[in-house]
Amino acid sequence: MNHVIIPPGKVFPKHPTDATVYTLIIRGELSAAIENNGPKTFNAGQLVNIPKGVLTELGNRGDESVELLVVKYGYN
């Protein structure tokens, strides 16, 4: 499990996930574009499930930091 804080304006480039990922948003709003879908906003208290090998762009398009707990499993 990883504890992640994403500052305002930080967006990670689109990349395939290397494992199945569960992300729990603790604070702020996470922007996630999964596969060919446009960005969707997830709020504190929501859990985002991203399957292994899926193209994903995660980031913070808001004005405050986003705090997450990230669990990955199913590495090769």
PDB file of N, CA and C in Angstrom:
ATOM      1  N   MET A   1       0.859  -1.170   0.000  1.00  0.00           N
ATOM      2  CA  MET A   1       0.000   0.000   0.000  1.00  0.00           C
ATOM      3  C   MET A   1       0.905   1.233   0.000  1.00  0.00           C
ATOM      4  N   ASN A   2       0.547   2.189  -0.828  1.00  0.00           N
ATOM      5  CA  ASN A   2       1.290   3.442  -0.913  1.00  0.00           C
ATOM      6  C   ASN A   2       0.391   4.613  -0.528  1.00  0.00           C
ATOM      7  N   HIS A   3       0.975   5.577   0.160  1.00  0.00           N
ATOM      8  CA  HIS A   3       0.299   6.824   0.481  1.00  0.00           C
ATOM      9  C   HIS A   3       0.841   7.856  -0.497  1.00  0.00           C
ATOM     10  N   VAL A   4      -0.048   8.489  -1.277  1.00  0.00           N
ATOM     11  CA  VAL A   4       0.370   9.409  -2.340  1.00  0.00           C
ATOM     12  C   VAL A   4      -0.321  10.749  -2.155  1.00  0.00           C
ATOM     13  N   ILE A   5       0.448  11.826  -2.322  1.00  0.00           N
ATOM     14  CA  ILE A   5      -0.117  13.175  -2.341  1.00  0.00           C
ATOM     15  C   ILE A   5       0.257  13.797  -3.682  1.00  0.00           C
ATOM     16  N   ILE A   6      -0.765  14.236  -4.418  1.00  0.00           N
ATOM     17  CA  ILE A   6      -0.563  14.838  -5.734  1.00  0.00           C
ATOM     18  C   ILE A   6      -0.849  16.333  -5.626  1.00  0.00           C
ATOM     19  N   PRO A   7       0.145  17.178  -5.909  1.00  0.00           N
ATOM     20  CA  PRO A   7      -0.066  18.623  -5.806  1.00  0.00           C
ATOM     21  C   PRO A   7      -0.980  19.144  -6.917  1.00  0.00           C
ATOM     22  N   PRO A   8      -1.580  20.303  -6.716  1.00  0.00           N
ATOM     23  CA  PRO A   8      -2.430  20.897  -7.745  1.00  0.00           C
ATOM     24  C   PRO A   8      -1.675  21.034  -9.077  1.00  0.00           C
ATOM     25  N   GLY A   9      -2.354  20.679 -10.163  1.00  0.00           N
ATOM     26  CA  GLY A   9      -1.785  20.829 -11.503  1.00  0.00           C
ATOM     27  C   GLY A   9      -0.944  19.665 -11.982  1.00  0.00           C
ATOM     28  N   LYS A  10      -0.619  18.707 -11.104  1.00  0.00           N
ATOM     29  CA  LYS A  10       0.219  17.566 -11.495  1.00  0.00           C
ATOM     30  C   LYS A  10      -0.645  16.497 -12.163  1.00  0.00           C
ATOM     31  N   VAL A  11      -0.308  16.142 -13.407  1.00  0.00           N
ATOM     32  CA  VAL A  11      -0.996  15.072 -14.130  1.00  0.00           C
ATOM     33  C   VAL A  11       0.077  14.124 -14.659  1.00  0.00           C
ATOM     34  N   PHE A  12      -0.057  12.839 -14.336  1.00  0.00           N
ATOM     35  CA  PHE A  12       0.894  11.840 -14.797  1.00  0.00           C
ATOM     36  C   PHE A  12       0.550  11.432 -16.231  1.00  0.00           C
ATOM     37  N   PRO A  13       1.538  11.237 -17.097  1.00  0.00           N
ATOM     38  CA  PRO A  13       1.264  10.866 -18.487  1.00  0.00           C
ATOM     39  C   PRO A  13       0.496   9.544 -18.577  1.00  0.00           C
ATOM     40  N   LYS A  14      -0.280   9.397 -19.635  1.00  0.00           N
ATOM     41  CA  LYS A  14      -1.040   8.173 -19.848  1.00  0.00           C
ATOM     42  C   LYS A  14      -0.066   7.011 -19.995  1.00  0.00           C
ATOM     43  N   HIS A  15      -0.356   5.923 -19.258  1.00  0.00           N
ATOM     44  CA  HIS A  15       0.516   4.753 -19.270  1.00  0.00           C
ATOM     45  C   HIS A  15      -0.308   3.514 -18.915  1.00  0.00           C
ATOM     46  N   PRO A  16       0.137   2.326 -19.343  1.00  0.00           N
ATOM     47  CA  PRO A  16      -0.573   1.104 -18.951  1.00  0.00           C
ATOM     48  C   PRO A  16      -0.225   0.748 -17.510  1.00  0.00           C
ATOM     49  N   THR A  17      -1.201   0.298 -16.763  1.00  0.00           N
ATOM     50  CA  THR A  17      -0.939  -0.110 -15.383  1.00  0.00           C
ATOM     51  C   THR A  17      -0.142  -1.412 -15.379  1.00  0.00           C
ATOM     52  N   ASP A  18       0.763  -1.554 -14.410  1.00  0.00           N
ATOM     53  CA  ASP A  18       1.600  -2.746 -14.320  1.00  0.00           C
ATOM     54  C   ASP A  18       1.018  -3.797 -13.376  1.00  0.00           C
ATOM     55  N   ALA A  19      -0.154  -3.513 -12.813  1.00  0.00           N
ATOM     56  CA  ALA A  19      -0.848  -4.408 -11.888  1.00  0.00           C
ATOM     57  C   ALA A  19      -2.301  -3.942 -11.794  1.00  0.00           C
ATOM     58  N   THR A  20      -3.131  -4.726 -11.133  1.00  0.00           N
ATOM     59  CA  THR A  20      -4.472  -4.247 -10.805  1.00  0.00           C
ATOM     60  C   THR A  20      -4.311  -3.204  -9.701  1.00  0.00           C
ATOM     61  N   VAL A  21      -4.997  -2.077  -9.843  1.00  0.00           N
ATOM     62  CA  VAL A  21      -4.810  -0.951  -8.924  1.00  0.00           C
ATOM     63  C   VAL A  21      -6.147  -0.572  -8.282  1.00  0.00           C
ATOM     64  N   TYR A  22      -6.117  -0.401  -6.961  1.00  0.00           N
ATOM     65  CA  TYR A  22      -7.239   0.176  -6.222  1.00  0.00           C
ATOM     66  C   TYR A  22      -6.743   1.471  -5.603  1.00  0.00           C
ATOM     67  N   THR A  23      -7.453   2.549  -5.852  1.00  0.00           N
ATOM     68  CA  THR A  23      -7.085   3.856  -5.325  1.00  0.00           C
ATOM     69  C   THR A  23      -8.237   4.397  -4.489  1.00  0.00           C
ATOM     70  N   LEU A  24      -7.965   4.678  -3.223  1.00  0.00           N
ATOM     71  CA  LEU A  24      -8.950   5.274  -2.329  1.00  0.00           C
ATOM     72  C   LEU A  24      -8.595   6.738  -2.164  1.00  0.00           C
ATOM     73  N   ILE A  25      -9.527   7.624  -2.534  1.00  0.00           N
ATOM     74  CA  ILE A  25      -9.280   9.061  -2.406  1.00  0.00           C
ATOM     75  C   ILE A  25      -9.600   9.464  -0.968  1.00  0.00           C
ATOM     76  N   ILE A  26      -8.625  10.033  -0.282  1.00  0.00           N
ATOM     77  CA  ILE A  26      -8.792  10.457   1.111  1.00  0.00           C
ATOM     78  C   ILE A  26      -9.178  11.930   1.185  1.00  0.00           C
ATOM     79  N   ARG A  27      -8.560  12.738   0.300  1.00  0.00           N
ATOM     80  CA  ARG A  27      -8.806  14.186   0.328  1.00  0.00           C
ATOM     81  C   ARG A  27      -8.662  14.722  -1.089  1.00  0.00           C
ATOM     82  N   GLY A  28      -9.502  15.677  -1.441  1.00  0.00           N
ATOM     83  CA  GLY A  28      -9.422  16.327  -2.744  1.00  0.00           C
ATOM     84  C   GLY A  28     -10.180  15.580  -3.828  1.00  0.00           C
ATOM     85  N   GLU A  29      -9.849  15.907  -5.074  1.00  0.00           N
ATOM     86  CA  GLU A  29     -10.526  15.316  -6.244  1.00  0.00           C
ATOM     87  C   GLU A  29      -9.485  14.778  -7.206  1.00  0.00           C
ATOM     88  N   LEU A  30      -9.589  13.485  -7.531  1.00  0.00           N
ATOM     89  CA  LEU A  30      -8.681  12.838  -8.470  1.00  0.00           C
ATOM     90  C   LEU A  30      -9.302  12.850  -9.854  1.00  0.00           C
ATOM     91  N   SER A  31      -8.526  13.252 -10.849  1.00  0.00           N
ATOM     92  CA  SER A  31      -8.952  13.186 -12.243  1.00  0.00           C
ATOM     93  C   SER A  31      -8.355  11.912 -12.835  1.00  0.00           C
ATOM     94  N   ALA A  32      -9.213  11.066 -13.445  1.00  0.00           N
ATOM     95  CA  ALA A  32      -8.741   9.812 -14.022  1.00  0.00           C
ATOM     96  C   ALA A  32      -9.359   9.618 -15.404  1.00  0.00           C
ATOM     97  N   ALA A  33      -8.481   9.445 -16.404  1.00  0.00           N
ATOM     98  CA  ALA A  33      -8.914   9.085 -17.754  1.00  0.00           C
ATOM     99  C   ALA A  33      -8.486   7.636 -17.963  1.00  0.00           C
ATOM    100  N   ILE A  34      -9.451   6.742 -18.053  1.00  0.00           N
ATOM    101  CA  ILE A  34      -9.177   5.311 -18.140  1.00  0.00           C
ATOM    102  C   ILE A  34      -9.558   4.821 -19.530  1.00  0.00           C
ATOM    103  N   GLU A  35      -8.599   4.137 -20.187  1.00  0.00           N
ATOM    104  CA  GLU A  35      -8.722   3.680 -21.570  1.00  0.00           C
ATOM    105  C   GLU A  35      -8.967   4.878 -22.477  1.00  0.00           C
ATOM    106  N   ASN A  36      -9.971   4.812 -23.328  1.00  0.00           N
ATOM    107  CA  ASN A  36     -10.232   5.890 -24.291  1.00  0.00           C
ATOM    108  C   ASN A  36     -11.275   6.883 -23.790  1.00  0.00           C
ATOM    109  N   ASN A  37     -11.627   6.795 -22.518  1.00  0.00           N
ATOM    110  CA  ASN A  37     -12.623   7.703 -21.944  1.00  0.00           C
ATOM    111  C   ASN A  37     -11.959   9.012 -21.527  1.00  0.00           C
ATOM    112  N   GLY A  38     -12.722  10.081 -21.548  1.00  0.00           N
ATOM    113  CA  GLY A  38     -12.227  11.376 -21.088  1.00  0.00           C
ATOM    114  C   GLY A  38     -12.064  11.363 -19.578  1.00  0.00           C
ATOM    115  N   PRO A  39     -11.425  12.391 -19.023  1.00  0.00           N
ATOM    116  CA  PRO A  39     -11.215  12.451 -17.578  1.00  0.00           C
ATOM    117  C   PRO A  39     -12.526  12.481 -16.805  1.00  0.00           C
ATOM    118  N   LYS A  40     -12.551  11.735 -15.719  1.00  0.00           N
ATOM    119  CA  LYS A  40     -13.684  11.703 -14.799  1.00  0.00           C
ATOM    120  C   LYS A  40     -13.143  12.086 -13.429  1.00  0.00           C
ATOM    121  N   THR A  41     -13.930  12.800 -12.645  1.00  0.00           N
ATOM    122  CA  THR A  41     -13.508  13.251 -11.324  1.00  0.00           C
ATOM    123  C   THR A  41     -14.028  12.303 -10.251  1.00  0.00           C
ATOM    124  N   PHE A  42     -13.121  11.899  -9.357  1.00  0.00           N
ATOM    125  CA  PHE A  42     -13.471  11.061  -8.210  1.00  0.00           C
ATOM    126  C   PHE A  42     -13.161  11.857  -6.946  1.00  0.00           C
ATOM    127  N   ASN A  43     -14.071  11.791  -5.971  1.00  0.00           N
ATOM    128  CA  ASN A  43     -13.983  12.601  -4.756  1.00  0.00           C
ATOM    129  C   ASN A  43     -13.559  11.783  -3.548  1.00  0.00           C
ATOM    130  N   ALA A  44     -13.223  12.492  -2.470  1.00  0.00           N
ATOM    131  CA  ALA A  44     -12.847  11.849  -1.217  1.00  0.00           C
ATOM    132  C   ALA A  44     -13.896  10.819  -0.818  1.00  0.00           C
ATOM    133  N   GLY A  45     -13.412   9.631  -0.413  1.00  0.00           N
ATOM    134  CA  GLY A  45     -14.292   8.547  -0.013  1.00  0.00           C
ATOM    135  C   GLY A  45     -14.575   7.553  -1.131  1.00  0.00           C
ATOM    136  N   GLN A  46     -14.259   7.913  -2.368  1.00  0.00           N
ATOM    137  CA  GLN A  46     -14.514   7.003  -3.482  1.00  0.00           C
ATOM    138  C   GLN A  46     -13.306   6.096  -3.725  1.00  0.00           C
ATOM    139  N   LEU A  47     -13.598   4.892  -4.239  1.00  0.00           N
ATOM    140  CA  LEU A  47     -12.583   3.910  -4.575  1.00  0.00           C
ATOM    141  C   LEU A  47     -12.583   3.727  -6.083  1.00  0.00           C
ATOM    142  N   VAL A  48     -11.393   3.804  -6.702  1.00  0.00           N
ATOM    143  CA  VAL A  48     -11.252   3.644  -8.144  1.00  0.00           C
ATOM    144  C   VAL A  48     -10.511   2.330  -8.388  1.00  0.00           C
ATOM    145  N   ASN A  49     -11.103   1.444  -9.207  1.00  0.00           N
ATOM    146  CA  ASN A  49     -10.485   0.173  -9.572  1.00  0.00           C
ATOM    147  C   ASN A  49     -10.007   0.280 -11.011  1.00  0.00           C
ATOM    148  N   ILE A  50      -8.713   0.034 -11.229  1.00  0.00           N
ATOM    149  CA  ILE A  50      -8.142   0.094 -12.575  1.00  0.00           C
ATOM    150  C   ILE A  50      -7.528  -1.269 -12.882  1.00  0.00           C
ATOM    151  N   PRO A  51      -8.046  -1.984 -13.875  1.00  0.00           N
ATOM    152  CA  PRO A  51      -7.505  -3.307 -14.203  1.00  0.00           C
ATOM    153  C   PRO A  51      -6.069  -3.230 -14.731  1.00  0.00           C
ATOM    154  N   LYS A  52      -5.365  -4.321 -14.594  1.00  0.00           N
ATOM    155  CA  LYS A  52      -3.985  -4.431 -15.072  1.00  0.00           C
ATOM    156  C   LYS A  52      -3.928  -4.246 -16.590  1.00  0.00           C
ATOM    157  N   GLY A  53      -2.924  -3.488 -17.049  1.00  0.00           N
ATOM    158  CA  GLY A  53      -2.685  -3.307 -18.475  1.00  0.00           C
ATOM    159  C   GLY A  53      -3.535  -2.250 -19.158  1.00  0.00           C
ATOM    160  N   VAL A  54      -4.359  -1.542 -18.403  1.00  0.00           N
ATOM    161  CA  VAL A  54      -5.255  -0.531 -18.956  1.00  0.00           C
ATOM    162  C   VAL A  54      -4.529   0.820 -19.043  1.00  0.00           C
ATOM    163  N   LEU A  55      -4.669   1.512 -20.172  1.00  0.00           N
ATOM    164  CA  LEU A  55      -4.084   2.849 -20.302  1.00  0.00           C
ATOM    165  C   LEU A  55      -4.815   3.812 -19.373  1.00  0.00           C
ATOM    166  N   THR A  56      -4.041   4.506 -18.558  1.00  0.00           N
ATOM    167  CA  THR A  56      -4.620   5.373 -17.534  1.00  0.00           C
ATOM    168  C   THR A  56      -3.818   6.661 -17.403  1.00  0.00           C
ATOM    169  N   GLU A  57      -4.540   7.777 -17.253  1.00  0.00           N
ATOM    170  CA  GLU A  57      -3.929   9.062 -16.934  1.00  0.00           C
ATOM    171  C   GLU A  57      -4.555   9.552 -15.634  1.00  0.00           C
ATOM    172  N   LEU A  58      -3.737   9.702 -14.610  1.00  0.00           N
ATOM    173  CA  LEU A  58      -4.223  10.168 -13.314  1.00  0.00           C
ATOM    174  C   LEU A  58      -3.614  11.516 -13.005  1.00  0.00           C
ATOM    175  N   GLY A  59      -4.365  12.348 -12.274  1.00  0.00           N
ATOM    176  CA  GLY A  59      -3.804  13.635 -11.919  1.00  0.00           C
ATOM    177  C   GLY A  59      -4.716  14.460 -11.049  1.00  0.00           C
ATOM    178  N   ASN A  60      -4.238  15.655 -10.807  1.00  0.00           N
ATOM    179  CA  ASN A  60      -4.943  16.609  -9.967  1.00  0.00           C
ATOM    180  C   ASN A  60      -5.166  17.876 -10.787  1.00  0.00           C
ATOM    181  N   ARG A  61      -6.372  18.059 -11.250  1.00  0.00           N
ATOM    182  CA  ARG A  61      -6.712  19.247 -12.031  1.00  0.00           C
ATOM    183  C   ARG A  61      -7.359  20.325 -11.156  1.00  0.00           C
ATOM    184  N   GLY A  62      -7.397  20.076  -9.848  1.00  0.00           N
ATOM    185  CA  GLY A  62      -8.024  21.010  -8.920  1.00  0.00           C
ATOM    186  C   GLY A  62      -7.047  21.989  -8.313  1.00  0.00           C
ATOM    187  N   ASP A  63      -7.528  22.706  -7.289  1.00  0.00           N
ATOM    188  CA  ASP A  63      -6.746  23.760  -6.640  1.00  0.00           C
ATOM    189  C   ASP A  63      -6.137  23.346  -5.306  1.00  0.00           C
ATOM    190  N   GLU A  64      -6.467  22.136  -4.824  1.00  0.00           N
ATOM    191  CA  GLU A  64      -5.898  21.663  -3.568  1.00  0.00           C
ATOM    192  C   GLU A  64      -5.258  20.296  -3.790  1.00  0.00           C
ATOM    193  N   SER A  65      -4.378  19.903  -2.893  1.00  0.00           N
ATOM    194  CA  SER A  65      -3.714  18.609  -3.023  1.00  0.00           C
ATOM    195  C   SER A  65      -4.723  17.466  -2.960  1.00  0.00           C
ATOM    196  N   VAL A  66      -4.375  16.374  -3.647  1.00  0.00           N
ATOM    197  CA  VAL A  66      -5.166  15.148  -3.595  1.00  0.00           C
ATOM    198  C   VAL A  66      -4.356  14.130  -2.802  1.00  0.00           C
ATOM    199  N   GLU A  67      -5.012  13.491  -1.850  1.00  0.00           N
ATOM    200  CA  GLU A  67      -4.348  12.483  -1.018  1.00  0.00           C
ATOM    201  C   GLU A  67      -5.004  11.128  -1.288  1.00  0.00           C
ATOM    202  N   LEU A  68      -4.177  10.117  -1.552  1.00  0.00           N
ATOM    203  CA  LEU A  68      -4.665   8.797  -1.949  1.00  0.00           C
ATOM    204  C   LEU A  68      -3.988   7.686  -1.167  1.00  0.00           C
ATOM    205  N   LEU A  69      -4.671   6.558  -1.058  1.00  0.00           N
ATOM    206  CA  LEU A  69      -4.053   5.293  -0.681  1.00  0.00           C
ATOM    207  C   LEU A  69      -4.154   4.407  -1.915  1.00  0.00           C
ATOM    208  N   VAL A  70      -3.038   3.818  -2.320  1.00  0.00           N
ATOM    209  CA  VAL A  70      -2.992   3.017  -3.549  1.00  0.00           C
ATOM    210  C   VAL A  70      -2.531   1.604  -3.195  1.00  0.00           C
ATOM    211  N   VAL A  71      -3.308   0.608  -3.630  1.00  0.00           N
ATOM    212  CA  VAL A  71      -2.950  -0.788  -3.454  1.00  0.00           C
ATOM    213  C   VAL A  71      -2.837  -1.406  -4.827  1.00  0.00           C
ATOM    214  N   LYS A  72      -1.702  -2.081  -5.094  1.00  0.00           N
ATOM    215  CA  LYS A  72      -1.487  -2.775  -6.366  1.00  0.00           C
ATOM    216  C   LYS A  72      -1.282  -4.254  -6.089  1.00  0.00           C
ATOM    217  N   TYR A  73      -1.846  -5.103  -6.987  1.00  0.00           N
ATOM    218  CA  TYR A  73      -1.555  -6.531  -6.895  1.00  0.00           C
ATOM    219  C   TYR A  73      -1.636  -7.154  -8.269  1.00  0.00           C
ATOM    220  N   GLY A  74      -1.069  -8.347  -8.399  1.00  0.00           N
ATOM    221  CA  GLY A  74      -1.109  -9.062  -9.673  1.00  0.00           C
ATOM    222  C   GLY A  74       0.031  -8.742 -10.603  1.00  0.00           C
ATOM    223  N   TYR A  75       1.196  -8.385 -10.051  1.00  0.00           N
ATOM    224  CA  TYR A  75       2.367  -8.153 -10.900  1.00  0.00           C
ATOM    225  C   TYR A  75       2.758  -9.468 -11.577  1.00  0.00           C
ATOM    226  N   ASN A  76       3.395  -9.358 -12.737  1.00  0.00           N
ATOM    227  CA  ASN A  76       3.936 -10.567 -13.401  1.00  0.00           C
ATOM    228  C   ASN A  76       5.268 -10.923 -12.798  1.00  0.00           C
TER     229      ASN A  76
END
